[in-house]
């Protein structure tokens, strides 16, 4: 039996400025694996990704992934249409989480839905709480727009990167569109 190479074993981190803070983007050779803001503990976060290293390897084929991703994020913050469909991602999660994250990507910029509606969209209308946990576990905020999910009563609910960032992102998308 021929063994496949482990494409997820190599990770590098790129720092990128944004209007809402310094972001750290974690890449594997497959794609973007995680996005965290610099005020989060990078070492603790890095330990969650197998093979993660804080060191960047220059002139690596994965540089194309980095360039594409950073260009799309810059377009987003400059109010250009950016839906991140071309950004390769390397998602790790349960099948339920991945289903929720895929559905999040269908929410148009500038629009919001409730956790209850998101649960209904994935065919599990009574799973609002589980959906909320999956949304909170999203490893790639902004690219996978978990900020577009709000509570049924219209309040913002939570956001792993902070409610101030969630407010900013929602306002940015509503004024850009």
Protein backbone atom coordinates (compact mmCIF):
# COMPACT_ATOMS: atom_id res chain seq x y z
CA UNK A 1 0.00 0.00 0.00
CA UNK A 2 1.42 3.37 -1.05
CA UNK A 3 1.54 5.89 1.78
CA UNK A 4 0.31 9.44 1.12
CA UNK A 5 2.51 12.32 2.25
CA UNK A 6 1.31 14.21 5.30
CA UNK A 7 0.46 17.59 3.77
CA UNK A 8 -0.75 18.96 7.10
CA UNK A 9 2.53 18.45 8.94
CA UNK A 10 4.05 21.80 7.98
CA UNK A 11 2.66 25.08 9.27
CA UNK A 12 3.84 28.66 9.12
CA UNK A 13 2.45 31.87 10.52
CA UNK A 14 2.05 35.24 8.83
CA UNK A 15 1.20 38.43 10.67
CA UNK A 16 -1.08 40.90 8.95
CA UNK A 17 -2.30 44.31 10.08
CA UNK A 18 -6.01 45.08 9.89
CA UNK A 19 -8.29 47.89 11.03
CA UNK A 20 -9.36 45.70 13.95
CA UNK A 21 -5.95 44.56 15.10
CA UNK A 22 -2.94 42.50 14.20
CA UNK A 23 -3.94 39.09 12.84
CA UNK A 24 -1.91 35.93 12.80
CA UNK A 25 -2.69 33.56 9.95
CA UNK A 26 -1.69 29.91 10.39
CA UNK A 27 -1.08 28.03 7.14
CA UNK A 28 -0.50 24.43 6.24
CA UNK A 29 0.49 23.35 2.76
CA UNK A 30 -3.21 22.72 2.15
CA UNK A 31 -4.44 26.19 3.07
CA UNK A 32 -5.37 28.58 5.84
CA UNK A 33 -5.89 26.58 9.03
CA UNK A 34 -6.53 29.34 11.55
CA UNK A 35 -6.81 33.09 12.00
CA UNK A 36 -6.34 34.66 15.42
CA UNK A 37 -5.91 38.20 16.60
CA UNK A 38 -2.58 39.06 18.21
CA UNK A 39 -4.23 39.68 21.57
CA UNK A 40 -4.93 35.93 21.72
CA UNK A 41 -2.29 33.54 23.03
CA UNK A 42 -0.55 32.38 19.85
CA UNK A 43 1.58 29.71 21.50
CA UNK A 44 -1.47 28.07 23.10
CA UNK A 45 -3.33 28.28 19.79
CA UNK A 46 -0.38 26.94 17.84
CA UNK A 47 -0.22 23.89 20.08
CA UNK A 48 -3.69 22.90 18.83
CA UNK A 49 -2.40 22.49 15.26
CA UNK A 50 -0.29 19.36 14.63
CA UNK A 51 3.17 20.24 13.36
CA UNK A 52 2.76 23.95 14.08
CA UNK A 53 5.86 26.07 14.29
CA UNK A 54 6.11 29.80 14.92
CA UNK A 55 8.92 29.90 12.36
CA UNK A 56 8.22 30.82 8.76
CA UNK A 57 9.97 28.94 5.97
CA UNK A 58 10.79 31.42 3.17
CA UNK A 59 10.34 30.65 -0.53
CA UNK A 60 8.07 27.73 0.09
CA UNK A 61 5.36 26.64 -2.40
CA UNK A 62 2.79 27.52 0.28
CA UNK A 63 3.76 31.18 -0.22
CA UNK A 64 1.15 31.27 -3.01
CA UNK A 65 -1.52 30.36 -0.46
CA UNK A 66 -0.32 33.17 1.77
CA UNK A 67 -0.32 35.73 -1.04
CA UNK A 68 -3.81 34.81 -2.21
CA UNK A 69 -5.24 34.82 1.31
CA UNK A 70 -3.64 38.12 2.31
CA UNK A 71 -4.79 39.74 -0.94
CA UNK A 72 -8.40 38.62 -0.31
CA UNK A 73 -8.33 39.84 3.29
CA UNK A 74 -6.94 43.21 2.17
CA UNK A 75 -9.73 43.48 -0.42
CA UNK A 76 -12.28 42.76 2.30
CA UNK A 77 -10.95 45.49 4.60
CA UNK A 78 -10.78 47.94 1.66
CA UNK A 79 -14.51 47.37 1.02
CA UNK A 80 -13.88 45.58 -2.26
CA UNK A 81 -16.10 42.61 -3.02
CA UNK A 82 -14.40 39.69 -1.36
CA UNK A 83 -16.18 36.52 -0.56
CA UNK A 84 -13.10 34.38 0.07
CA UNK A 85 -14.31 31.60 -2.23
CA UNK A 86 -10.83 31.24 -3.70
CA UNK A 87 -9.03 31.09 -0.37
CA UNK A 88 -7.91 27.51 0.24
CA UNK A 89 -8.65 26.40 3.78
CA UNK A 90 -7.54 23.43 5.84
CA UNK A 91 -10.43 22.89 8.25
CA UNK A 92 -10.15 20.49 11.12
CA UNK A 93 -13.31 19.72 13.05
CA UNK A 94 -16.09 17.27 13.57
CA UNK A 95 -18.42 16.56 10.65
CA UNK A 96 -21.09 18.63 12.44
CA UNK A 97 -18.73 21.61 12.89
CA UNK A 98 -17.62 21.48 9.27
CA UNK A 99 -21.26 21.40 8.13
CA UNK A 100 -21.99 24.50 10.23
CA UNK A 101 -18.86 26.27 8.93
CA UNK A 102 -19.83 25.50 5.35
CA UNK A 103 -23.29 26.95 5.93
CA UNK A 104 -21.77 30.09 7.48
CA UNK A 105 -20.00 30.75 4.20
CA UNK A 106 -23.39 31.07 2.47
CA UNK A 107 -24.46 34.09 4.54
CA UNK A 108 -24.03 37.17 2.31
CA UNK A 109 -21.91 40.09 3.56
CA UNK A 110 -23.96 42.67 5.44
CA UNK A 111 -26.63 40.16 6.45
CA UNK A 112 -27.15 38.30 9.70
CA UNK A 113 -29.04 35.21 10.74
CA UNK A 114 -29.82 33.71 14.13
CA UNK A 115 -28.32 30.58 15.61
CA UNK A 116 -31.81 29.06 15.37
CA UNK A 117 -32.03 29.86 11.65
CA UNK A 118 -28.56 28.45 11.09
CA UNK A 119 -29.60 25.23 12.85
CA UNK A 120 -32.65 25.00 10.56
CA UNK A 121 -30.48 25.58 7.49
CA UNK A 122 -28.32 22.58 8.33
CA UNK A 123 -31.44 20.47 8.79
CA UNK A 124 -31.31 20.29 12.58
CA UNK A 125 -33.71 22.98 13.87
CA UNK A 126 -33.44 21.93 17.52
CA UNK A 127 -29.65 22.16 17.58
CA UNK A 128 -29.29 25.91 18.22
CA UNK A 129 -27.00 25.37 21.20
CA UNK A 130 -24.77 22.89 19.34
CA UNK A 131 -24.68 25.26 16.38
CA UNK A 132 -23.59 28.05 18.73
CA UNK A 133 -20.75 25.91 20.01
CA UNK A 134 -19.67 25.05 16.45
CA UNK A 135 -19.81 28.73 15.47
CA UNK A 136 -17.67 29.58 18.53
CA UNK A 137 -15.14 26.92 17.52
CA UNK A 138 -14.69 28.39 14.02
CA UNK A 139 -10.91 28.51 13.48
CA UNK A 140 -11.04 31.05 10.65
CA UNK A 141 -13.14 34.09 11.61
CA UNK A 142 -13.82 36.63 8.85
CA UNK A 143 -13.07 34.04 6.12
CA UNK A 144 -15.78 31.84 7.61
CA UNK A 145 -18.11 34.67 8.70
CA UNK A 146 -19.24 33.58 12.14
CA UNK A 147 -19.68 37.26 13.00
CA UNK A 148 -22.86 37.22 10.88
CA UNK A 149 -24.69 35.02 13.39
CA UNK A 150 -26.67 36.75 16.12
CA UNK A 151 -29.10 35.74 18.86
CA UNK A 152 -32.80 35.26 18.03
CA UNK A 153 -33.66 38.37 20.05
CA UNK A 154 -31.42 40.50 17.84
CA UNK A 155 -28.57 40.87 20.33
CA UNK A 156 -25.07 40.17 19.08
CA UNK A 157 -24.56 36.99 21.06
CA UNK A 158 -20.89 36.09 21.43
CA UNK A 159 -17.77 36.32 19.33
CA UNK A 160 -14.49 34.56 20.02
CA UNK A 161 -12.50 37.58 18.83
CA UNK A 162 -14.47 40.06 20.97
CA UNK A 163 -17.80 41.83 20.57
CA UNK A 164 -16.13 45.10 19.55
CA UNK A 165 -14.66 43.32 16.53
CA UNK A 166 -18.01 41.71 15.73
CA UNK A 167 -19.72 45.12 15.82
CA UNK A 168 -17.00 46.60 13.60
CA UNK A 169 -17.21 43.76 11.05
CA UNK A 170 -21.00 43.95 10.81
CA UNK A 171 -20.95 47.73 10.41
CA UNK A 172 -18.12 47.51 7.86
CA UNK A 173 -20.06 45.03 5.74
CA UNK A 174 -23.31 46.98 5.94
CA UNK A 175 -21.66 50.23 4.85
CA UNK A 176 -19.48 48.55 2.20
CA UNK A 177 -22.40 46.80 0.51
